[in-house]
Amino acid sequence: MADLPAGLVWTRAAPDDAEGPGPWIEIAFGSDELVYLRETGAPATVVTTTVEKWEAFTKGVLAGEFDHFTEDHPLRDPVPEPP
């Protein structure tokens, strides 16, 4: 995305004790009512959504609506068990 608003403040979604470049997702809230998302490994590739859709998504995550994505699936690597 070539025309990013000036002054975006990116917040990295990583554990507090995380070191290194990730890969992590970063999020920034624009003054234009858009939410900007990028991956640390490809910061030039930015996707956007509206604040309203972002809030609906985060409420869905908190409500467990996406828990089925954490179950074993043949197209992705299993989530490692915490130590």
PDB file of N, CA and C in Angstrom:
ATOM      1  N   MET A   1       0.862  -1.168   0.000  1.00  0.00           N
ATOM      2  CA  MET A   1       0.000   0.000   0.000  1.00  0.00           C
ATOM      3  C   MET A   1       0.903   1.223   0.000  1.00  0.00           C
ATOM      4  N   ALA A   2       0.824   2.004  -1.010  1.00  0.00           N
ATOM      5  CA  ALA A   2       1.761   3.114  -1.191  1.00  0.00           C
ATOM      6  C   ALA A   2       1.371   4.357  -0.404  1.00  0.00           C
ATOM      7  N   ASP A   3       0.112   4.594  -0.193  1.00  0.00           N
ATOM      8  CA  ASP A   3      -0.335   5.845   0.412  1.00  0.00           C
ATOM      9  C   ASP A   3      -0.784   5.663   1.855  1.00  0.00           C
ATOM     10  N   LEU A   4       0.150   5.338   2.726  1.00  0.00           N
ATOM     11  CA  LEU A   4      -0.177   5.209   4.143  1.00  0.00           C
ATOM     12  C   LEU A   4      -0.235   6.594   4.768  1.00  0.00           C
ATOM     13  N   PRO A   5      -1.161   6.809   5.685  1.00  0.00           N
ATOM     14  CA  PRO A   5      -1.198   8.089   6.377  1.00  0.00           C
ATOM     15  C   PRO A   5       0.087   8.315   7.170  1.00  0.00           C
ATOM     16  N   ALA A   6       0.487   9.551   7.257  1.00  0.00           N
ATOM     17  CA  ALA A   6       1.671   9.889   8.050  1.00  0.00           C
ATOM     18  C   ALA A   6       1.358   9.708   9.534  1.00  0.00           C
ATOM     19  N   GLY A   7       2.363   9.341  10.281  1.00  0.00           N
ATOM     20  CA  GLY A   7       2.226   9.289  11.728  1.00  0.00           C
ATOM     21  C   GLY A   7       1.582   8.048  12.300  1.00  0.00           C
ATOM     22  N   LEU A   8       1.450   6.981  11.509  1.00  0.00           N
ATOM     23  CA  LEU A   8       0.892   5.754  12.068  1.00  0.00           C
ATOM     24  C   LEU A   8       1.831   5.213  13.144  1.00  0.00           C
ATOM     25  N   VAL A   9       1.254   4.774  14.246  1.00  0.00           N
ATOM     26  CA  VAL A   9       2.030   4.179  15.329  1.00  0.00           C
ATOM     27  C   VAL A   9       1.715   2.687  15.330  1.00  0.00           C
ATOM     28  N   TRP A  10       2.718   1.888  14.996  1.00  0.00           N
ATOM     29  CA  TRP A  10       2.543   0.447  14.876  1.00  0.00           C
ATOM     30  C   TRP A  10       2.767  -0.228  16.222  1.00  0.00           C
ATOM     31  N   THR A  11       1.852  -1.124  16.578  1.00  0.00           N
ATOM     32  CA  THR A  11       1.959  -1.913  17.802  1.00  0.00           C
ATOM     33  C   THR A  11       2.129  -3.363  17.411  1.00  0.00           C
ATOM     34  N   ARG A  12       3.149  -3.991  17.929  1.00  0.00           N
ATOM     35  CA  ARG A  12       3.464  -5.379  17.602  1.00  0.00           C
ATOM     36  C   ARG A  12       2.693  -6.320  18.518  1.00  0.00           C
ATOM     37  N   ALA A  13       2.033  -7.295  17.923  1.00  0.00           N
ATOM     38  CA  ALA A  13       1.324  -8.318  18.684  1.00  0.00           C
ATOM     39  C   ALA A  13       2.297  -9.447  18.963  1.00  0.00           C
ATOM     40  N   ALA A  14       3.044  -9.310  20.045  1.00  0.00           N
ATOM     41  CA  ALA A  14       4.038 -10.302  20.426  1.00  0.00           C
ATOM     42  C   ALA A  14       4.061 -10.386  21.942  1.00  0.00           C
ATOM     43  N   PRO A  15       4.444 -11.518  22.474  1.00  0.00           N
ATOM     44  CA  PRO A  15       4.582 -11.620  23.926  1.00  0.00           C
ATOM     45  C   PRO A  15       5.588 -10.583  24.436  1.00  0.00           C
ATOM     46  N   ASP A  16       5.380 -10.119  25.661  1.00  0.00           N
ATOM     47  CA  ASP A  16       6.251  -9.086  26.236  1.00  0.00           C
ATOM     48  C   ASP A  16       7.719  -9.486  26.245  1.00  0.00           C
ATOM     49  N   ASP A  17       7.998 -10.771  26.430  1.00  0.00           N
ATOM     50  CA  ASP A  17       9.383 -11.223  26.516  1.00  0.00           C
ATOM     51  C   ASP A  17       9.935 -11.685  25.166  1.00  0.00           C
ATOM     52  N   ALA A  18       9.204 -11.433  24.080  1.00  0.00           N
ATOM     53  CA  ALA A  18       9.639 -11.885  22.762  1.00  0.00           C
ATOM     54  C   ALA A  18      10.851 -11.101  22.290  1.00  0.00           C
ATOM     55  N   GLU A  19      11.785 -11.828  21.711  1.00  0.00           N
ATOM     56  CA  GLU A  19      12.969 -11.202  21.138  1.00  0.00           C
ATOM     57  C   GLU A  19      13.030 -11.526  19.661  1.00  0.00           C
ATOM     58  N   GLY A  20      13.716 -10.715  18.915  1.00  0.00           N
ATOM     59  CA  GLY A  20      13.907 -10.985  17.498  1.00  0.00           C
ATOM     60  C   GLY A  20      12.802 -10.416  16.639  1.00  0.00           C
ATOM     61  N   PRO A  21      12.926 -10.667  15.351  1.00  0.00           N
ATOM     62  CA  PRO A  21      12.023 -10.030  14.388  1.00  0.00           C
ATOM     63  C   PRO A  21      10.669 -10.708  14.232  1.00  0.00           C
ATOM     64  N   GLY A  22      10.447 -11.816  14.878  1.00  0.00           N
ATOM     65  CA  GLY A  22       9.136 -12.458  14.748  1.00  0.00           C
ATOM     66  C   GLY A  22       9.192 -13.664  13.837  1.00  0.00           C
ATOM     67  N   PRO A  23       8.185 -13.935  13.087  1.00  0.00           N
ATOM     68  CA  PRO A  23       7.215 -13.024  12.490  1.00  0.00           C
ATOM     69  C   PRO A  23       6.094 -12.642  13.457  1.00  0.00           C
ATOM     70  N   TRP A  24       5.749 -11.384  13.434  1.00  0.00           N
ATOM     71  CA  TRP A  24       4.668 -10.855  14.253  1.00  0.00           C
ATOM     72  C   TRP A  24       3.735 -10.033  13.375  1.00  0.00           C
ATOM     73  N   ILE A  25       2.540  -9.861  13.861  1.00  0.00           N
ATOM     74  CA  ILE A  25       1.582  -8.966  13.215  1.00  0.00           C
ATOM     75  C   ILE A  25       1.682  -7.623  13.920  1.00  0.00           C
ATOM     76  N   GLU A  26       1.599  -6.552  13.147  1.00  0.00           N
ATOM     77  CA  GLU A  26       1.584  -5.203  13.707  1.00  0.00           C
ATOM     78  C   GLU A  26       0.297  -4.520  13.289  1.00  0.00           C
ATOM     79  N   ILE A  27      -0.210  -3.671  14.162  1.00  0.00           N
ATOM     80  CA  ILE A  27      -1.469  -2.982  13.921  1.00  0.00           C
ATOM     81  C   ILE A  27      -1.290  -1.501  14.203  1.00  0.00           C
ATOM     82  N   ALA A  28      -1.964  -0.681  13.406  1.00  0.00           N
ATOM     83  CA  ALA A  28      -1.954   0.768  13.618  1.00  0.00           C
ATOM     84  C   ALA A  28      -3.363   1.283  13.343  1.00  0.00           C
ATOM     85  N   PHE A  29      -3.790   2.231  14.152  1.00  0.00           N
ATOM     86  CA  PHE A  29      -5.099   2.846  13.983  1.00  0.00           C
ATOM     87  C   PHE A  29      -4.904   4.214  13.351  1.00  0.00           C
ATOM     88  N   GLY A  30      -5.524   4.422  12.198  1.00  0.00           N
ATOM     89  CA  GLY A  30      -5.391   5.693  11.499  1.00  0.00           C
ATOM     90  C   GLY A  30      -6.455   6.683  11.920  1.00  0.00           C
ATOM     91  N   SER A  31      -6.169   7.946  11.702  1.00  0.00           N
ATOM     92  CA  SER A  31      -7.156   8.995  12.001  1.00  0.00           C
ATOM     93  C   SER A  31      -8.293   8.979  10.984  1.00  0.00           C
ATOM     94  N   ASP A  32      -8.154   8.162   9.950  1.00  0.00           N
ATOM     95  CA  ASP A  32      -9.152   8.049   8.882  1.00  0.00           C
ATOM     96  C   ASP A  32     -10.173   6.947   9.153  1.00  0.00           C
ATOM     97  N   GLU A  33     -10.256   6.478  10.414  1.00  0.00           N
ATOM     98  CA  GLU A  33     -11.197   5.422  10.818  1.00  0.00           C
ATOM     99  C   GLU A  33     -10.864   4.068  10.199  1.00  0.00           C
ATOM    100  N   LEU A  34      -9.614   3.899   9.758  1.00  0.00           N
ATOM    101  CA  LEU A  34      -9.176   2.610   9.251  1.00  0.00           C
ATOM    102  C   LEU A  34      -8.165   1.994  10.200  1.00  0.00           C
ATOM    103  N   VAL A  35      -8.112   0.664  10.175  1.00  0.00           N
ATOM    104  CA  VAL A  35      -7.134  -0.103  10.942  1.00  0.00           C
ATOM    105  C   VAL A  35      -6.180  -0.714   9.927  1.00  0.00           C
ATOM    106  N   TYR A  36      -4.886  -0.561  10.172  1.00  0.00           N
ATOM    107  CA  TYR A  36      -3.842  -1.032   9.266  1.00  0.00           C
ATOM    108  C   TYR A  36      -3.142  -2.219   9.900  1.00  0.00           C
ATOM    109  N   LEU A  37      -2.944  -3.276   9.120  1.00  0.00           N
ATOM    110  CA  LEU A  37      -2.292  -4.495   9.598  1.00  0.00           C
ATOM    111  C   LEU A  37      -1.162  -4.858   8.655  1.00  0.00           C
ATOM    112  N   ARG A  38      -0.043  -5.320   9.236  1.00  0.00           N
ATOM    113  CA  ARG A  38       1.078  -5.778   8.431  1.00  0.00           C
ATOM    114  C   ARG A  38       1.825  -6.852   9.200  1.00  0.00           C
ATOM    115  N   GLU A  39       2.660  -7.585   8.493  1.00  0.00           N
ATOM    116  CA  GLU A  39       3.515  -8.597   9.107  1.00  0.00           C
ATOM    117  C   GLU A  39       4.926  -8.035   9.157  1.00  0.00           C
ATOM    118  N   THR A  40       5.643  -8.313  10.243  1.00  0.00           N
ATOM    119  CA  THR A  40       6.989  -7.770  10.386  1.00  0.00           C
ATOM    120  C   THR A  40       7.909  -8.234   9.258  1.00  0.00           C
ATOM    121  N   GLY A  41       7.682  -9.408   8.710  1.00  0.00           N
ATOM    122  CA  GLY A  41       8.514  -9.917   7.632  1.00  0.00           C
ATOM    123  C   GLY A  41       8.243  -9.288   6.286  1.00  0.00           C
ATOM    124  N   ALA A  42       7.128  -8.591   6.152  1.00  0.00           N
ATOM    125  CA  ALA A  42       6.763  -7.933   4.888  1.00  0.00           C
ATOM    126  C   ALA A  42       6.060  -6.614   5.195  1.00  0.00           C
ATOM    127  N   PRO A  43       6.762  -5.669   5.810  1.00  0.00           N
ATOM    128  CA  PRO A  43       6.107  -4.440   6.262  1.00  0.00           C
ATOM    129  C   PRO A  43       5.541  -3.555   5.154  1.00  0.00           C
ATOM    130  N   ALA A  44       5.961  -3.772   3.926  1.00  0.00           N
ATOM    131  CA  ALA A  44       5.424  -2.971   2.824  1.00  0.00           C
ATOM    132  C   ALA A  44       4.043  -3.449   2.392  1.00  0.00           C
ATOM    133  N   THR A  45       3.680  -4.664   2.787  1.00  0.00           N
ATOM    134  CA  THR A  45       2.362  -5.200   2.458  1.00  0.00           C
ATOM    135  C   THR A  45       1.427  -4.900   3.623  1.00  0.00           C
ATOM    136  N   VAL A  46       0.500  -3.998   3.395  1.00  0.00           N
ATOM    137  CA  VAL A  46      -0.407  -3.546   4.446  1.00  0.00           C
ATOM    138  C   VAL A  46      -1.834  -3.794   3.992  1.00  0.00           C
ATOM    139  N   VAL A  47      -2.630  -4.360   4.878  1.00  0.00           N
ATOM    140  CA  VAL A  47      -4.057  -4.520   4.609  1.00  0.00           C
ATOM    141  C   VAL A  47      -4.824  -3.624   5.570  1.00  0.00           C
ATOM    142  N   THR A  48      -6.006  -3.237   5.157  1.00  0.00           N
ATOM    143  CA  THR A  48      -6.814  -2.356   5.993  1.00  0.00           C
ATOM    144  C   THR A  48      -8.196  -2.950   6.219  1.00  0.00           C
ATOM    145  N   THR A  49      -8.793  -2.496   7.282  1.00  0.00           N
ATOM    146  CA  THR A  49     -10.187  -2.790   7.569  1.00  0.00           C
ATOM    147  C   THR A  49     -10.741  -1.570   8.298  1.00  0.00           C
ATOM    148  N   THR A  50     -12.013  -1.558   8.515  1.00  0.00           N
ATOM    149  CA  THR A  50     -12.606  -0.448   9.248  1.00  0.00           C
ATOM    150  C   THR A  50     -12.523  -0.710  10.750  1.00  0.00           C
ATOM    151  N   VAL A  51     -12.598   0.343  11.529  1.00  0.00           N
ATOM    152  CA  VAL A  51     -12.607   0.194  12.988  1.00  0.00           C
ATOM    153  C   VAL A  51     -13.794  -0.670  13.406  1.00  0.00           C
ATOM    154  N   GLU A  52     -14.934  -0.461  12.783  1.00  0.00           N
ATOM    155  CA  GLU A  52     -16.137  -1.239  13.124  1.00  0.00           C
ATOM    156  C   GLU A  52     -15.913  -2.739  12.887  1.00  0.00           C
ATOM    157  N   LYS A  53     -15.323  -3.094  11.758  1.00  0.00           N
ATOM    158  CA  LYS A  53     -15.068  -4.506  11.474  1.00  0.00           C
ATOM    159  C   LYS A  53     -13.995  -5.065  12.403  1.00  0.00           C
ATOM    160  N   TRP A  54     -12.970  -4.267  12.716  1.00  0.00           N
ATOM    161  CA  TRP A  54     -11.925  -4.712  13.637  1.00  0.00           C
ATOM    162  C   TRP A  54     -12.517  -4.998  15.015  1.00  0.00           C
ATOM    163  N   GLU A  55     -13.384  -4.117  15.489  1.00  0.00           N
ATOM    164  CA  GLU A  55     -14.008  -4.323  16.797  1.00  0.00           C
ATOM    165  C   GLU A  55     -14.878  -5.574  16.795  1.00  0.00           C
ATOM    166  N   ALA A  56     -15.602  -5.813  15.710  1.00  0.00           N
ATOM    167  CA  ALA A  56     -16.411  -7.032  15.614  1.00  0.00           C
ATOM    168  C   ALA A  56     -15.521  -8.270  15.621  1.00  0.00           C
ATOM    169  N   PHE A  57     -14.400  -8.211  14.910  1.00  0.00           N
ATOM    170  CA  PHE A  57     -13.459  -9.336  14.888  1.00  0.00           C
ATOM    171  C   PHE A  57     -12.896  -9.606  16.279  1.00  0.00           C
ATOM    172  N   THR A  58     -12.421  -8.570  16.964  1.00  0.00           N
ATOM    173  CA  THR A  58     -11.821  -8.786  18.284  1.00  0.00           C
ATOM    174  C   THR A  58     -12.851  -9.293  19.294  1.00  0.00           C
ATOM    175  N   LYS A  59     -14.086  -8.825  19.194  1.00  0.00           N
ATOM    176  CA  LYS A  59     -15.133  -9.357  20.071  1.00  0.00           C
ATOM    177  C   LYS A  59     -15.380 -10.830  19.769  1.00  0.00           C
ATOM    178  N   GLY A  60     -15.340 -11.210  18.503  1.00  0.00           N
ATOM    179  CA  GLY A  60     -15.506 -12.608  18.123  1.00  0.00           C
ATOM    180  C   GLY A  60     -14.378 -13.482  18.652  1.00  0.00           C
ATOM    181  N   VAL A  61     -13.141 -12.954  18.602  1.00  0.00           N
ATOM    182  CA  VAL A  61     -12.013 -13.703  19.156  1.00  0.00           C
ATOM    183  C   VAL A  61     -12.223 -13.926  20.643  1.00  0.00           C
ATOM    184  N   LEU A  62     -12.576 -12.875  21.363  1.00  0.00           N
ATOM    185  CA  LEU A  62     -12.796 -12.992  22.802  1.00  0.00           C
ATOM    186  C   LEU A  62     -13.945 -13.936  23.140  1.00  0.00           C
ATOM    187  N   ALA A  63     -14.934 -14.004  22.265  1.00  0.00           N
ATOM    188  CA  ALA A  63     -16.087 -14.874  22.501  1.00  0.00           C
ATOM    189  C   ALA A  63     -15.830 -16.319  22.077  1.00  0.00           C
ATOM    190  N   GLY A  64     -14.656 -16.591  21.505  1.00  0.00           N
ATOM    191  CA  GLY A  64     -14.329 -17.960  21.110  1.00  0.00           C
ATOM    192  C   GLY A  64     -14.850 -18.362  19.748  1.00  0.00           C
ATOM    193  N   GLU A  65     -15.303 -17.402  18.948  1.00  0.00           N
ATOM    194  CA  GLU A  65     -15.883 -17.724  17.650  1.00  0.00           C
ATOM    195  C   GLU A  65     -14.864 -18.284  16.653  1.00  0.00           C
ATOM    196  N   PHE A  66     -13.582 -18.141  16.939  1.00  0.00           N
ATOM    197  CA  PHE A  66     -12.552 -18.610  16.019  1.00  0.00           C
ATOM    198  C   PHE A  66     -11.713 -19.734  16.613  1.00  0.00           C
ATOM    199  N   ASP A  67     -12.163 -20.290  17.721  1.00  0.00           N
ATOM    200  CA  ASP A  67     -11.405 -21.345  18.384  1.00  0.00           C
ATOM    201  C   ASP A  67     -11.189 -22.559  17.487  1.00  0.00           C
ATOM    202  N   HIS A  68     -12.105 -22.788  16.567  1.00  0.00           N
ATOM    203  CA  HIS A  68     -11.952 -23.951  15.684  1.00  0.00           C
ATOM    204  C   HIS A  68     -10.706 -23.836  14.808  1.00  0.00           C
ATOM    205  N   PHE A  69     -10.160 -22.642  14.642  1.00  0.00           N
ATOM    206  CA  PHE A  69      -8.925 -22.485  13.875  1.00  0.00           C
ATOM    207  C   PHE A  69      -7.705 -22.969  14.639  1.00  0.00           C
ATOM    208  N   THR A  70      -7.820 -23.143  15.925  1.00  0.00           N
ATOM    209  CA  THR A  70      -6.690 -23.612  16.720  1.00  0.00           C
ATOM    210  C   THR A  70      -6.662 -25.129  16.840  1.00  0.00           C
ATOM    211  N   GLU A  71      -7.679 -25.785  16.359  1.00  0.00           N
ATOM    212  CA  GLU A  71      -7.717 -27.241  16.385  1.00  0.00           C
ATOM    213  C   GLU A  71      -6.846 -27.782  15.261  1.00  0.00           C
ATOM    214  N   ASP A  72      -6.449 -29.041  15.369  1.00  0.00           N
ATOM    215  CA  ASP A  72      -5.641 -29.654  14.311  1.00  0.00           C
ATOM    216  C   ASP A  72      -6.362 -29.562  12.974  1.00  0.00           C
ATOM    217  N   HIS A  73      -5.621 -29.165  11.985  1.00  0.00           N
ATOM    218  CA  HIS A  73      -6.158 -29.021  10.645  1.00  0.00           C
ATOM    219  C   HIS A  73      -5.111 -29.547   9.677  1.00  0.00           C
ATOM    220  N   PRO A  74      -5.487 -30.304   8.662  1.00  0.00           N
ATOM    221  CA  PRO A  74      -4.490 -30.914   7.782  1.00  0.00           C
ATOM    222  C   PRO A  74      -3.660 -29.918   6.970  1.00  0.00           C
ATOM    223  N   LEU A  75      -4.101 -28.678   6.857  1.00  0.00           N
ATOM    224  CA  LEU A  75      -3.373 -27.711   6.038  1.00  0.00           C
ATOM    225  C   LEU A  75      -2.443 -26.807   6.837  1.00  0.00           C
ATOM    226  N   ARG A  76      -2.330 -27.010   8.125  1.00  0.00           N
ATOM    227  CA  ARG A  76      -1.433 -26.169   8.908  1.00  0.00           C
ATOM    228  C   ARG A  76      -0.708 -27.014   9.939  1.00  0.00           C
ATOM    229  N   ASP A  77       0.376 -26.455  10.440  1.00  0.00           N
ATOM    230  CA  ASP A  77       1.138 -27.146  11.476  1.00  0.00           C
ATOM    231  C   ASP A  77       0.367 -27.101  12.782  1.00  0.00           C
ATOM    232  N   PRO A  78       0.452 -28.176  13.580  1.00  0.00           N
ATOM    233  CA  PRO A  78      -0.239 -28.146  14.867  1.00  0.00           C
ATOM    234  C   PRO A  78       0.369 -27.098  15.795  1.00  0.00           C
ATOM    235  N   VAL A  79      -0.459 -26.541  16.647  1.00  0.00           N
ATOM    236  CA  VAL A  79       0.007 -25.565  17.626  1.00  0.00           C
ATOM    237  C   VAL A  79       0.755 -26.315  18.711  1.00  0.00           C
ATOM    238  N   PRO A  80       2.011 -25.939  18.984  1.00  0.00           N
ATOM    239  CA  PRO A  80       2.754 -26.661  20.019  1.00  0.00           C
ATOM    240  C   PRO A  80       2.149 -26.427  21.398  1.00  0.00           C
ATOM    241  N   GLU A  81       2.200 -27.470  22.214  1.00  0.00           N
ATOM    242  CA  GLU A  81       1.724 -27.364  23.592  1.00  0.00           C
ATOM    243  C   GLU A  81       2.697 -26.503  24.386  1.00  0.00           C
ATOM    244  N   PRO A  82       2.183 -25.638  25.266  1.00  0.00           N
ATOM    245  CA  PRO A  82       3.103 -24.851  26.087  1.00  0.00           C
ATOM    246  C   PRO A  82       3.895 -25.759  27.022  1.00  0.00           C
ATOM    247  N   PRO A  83       5.135 -25.335  27.364  1.00  0.00           N
ATOM    248  CA  PRO A  83       5.967 -26.174  28.250  1.00  0.00           C
ATOM    249  C   PRO A  83       5.414 -26.256  29.653  1.00  0.00           C
TER     250      PRO A  83
END
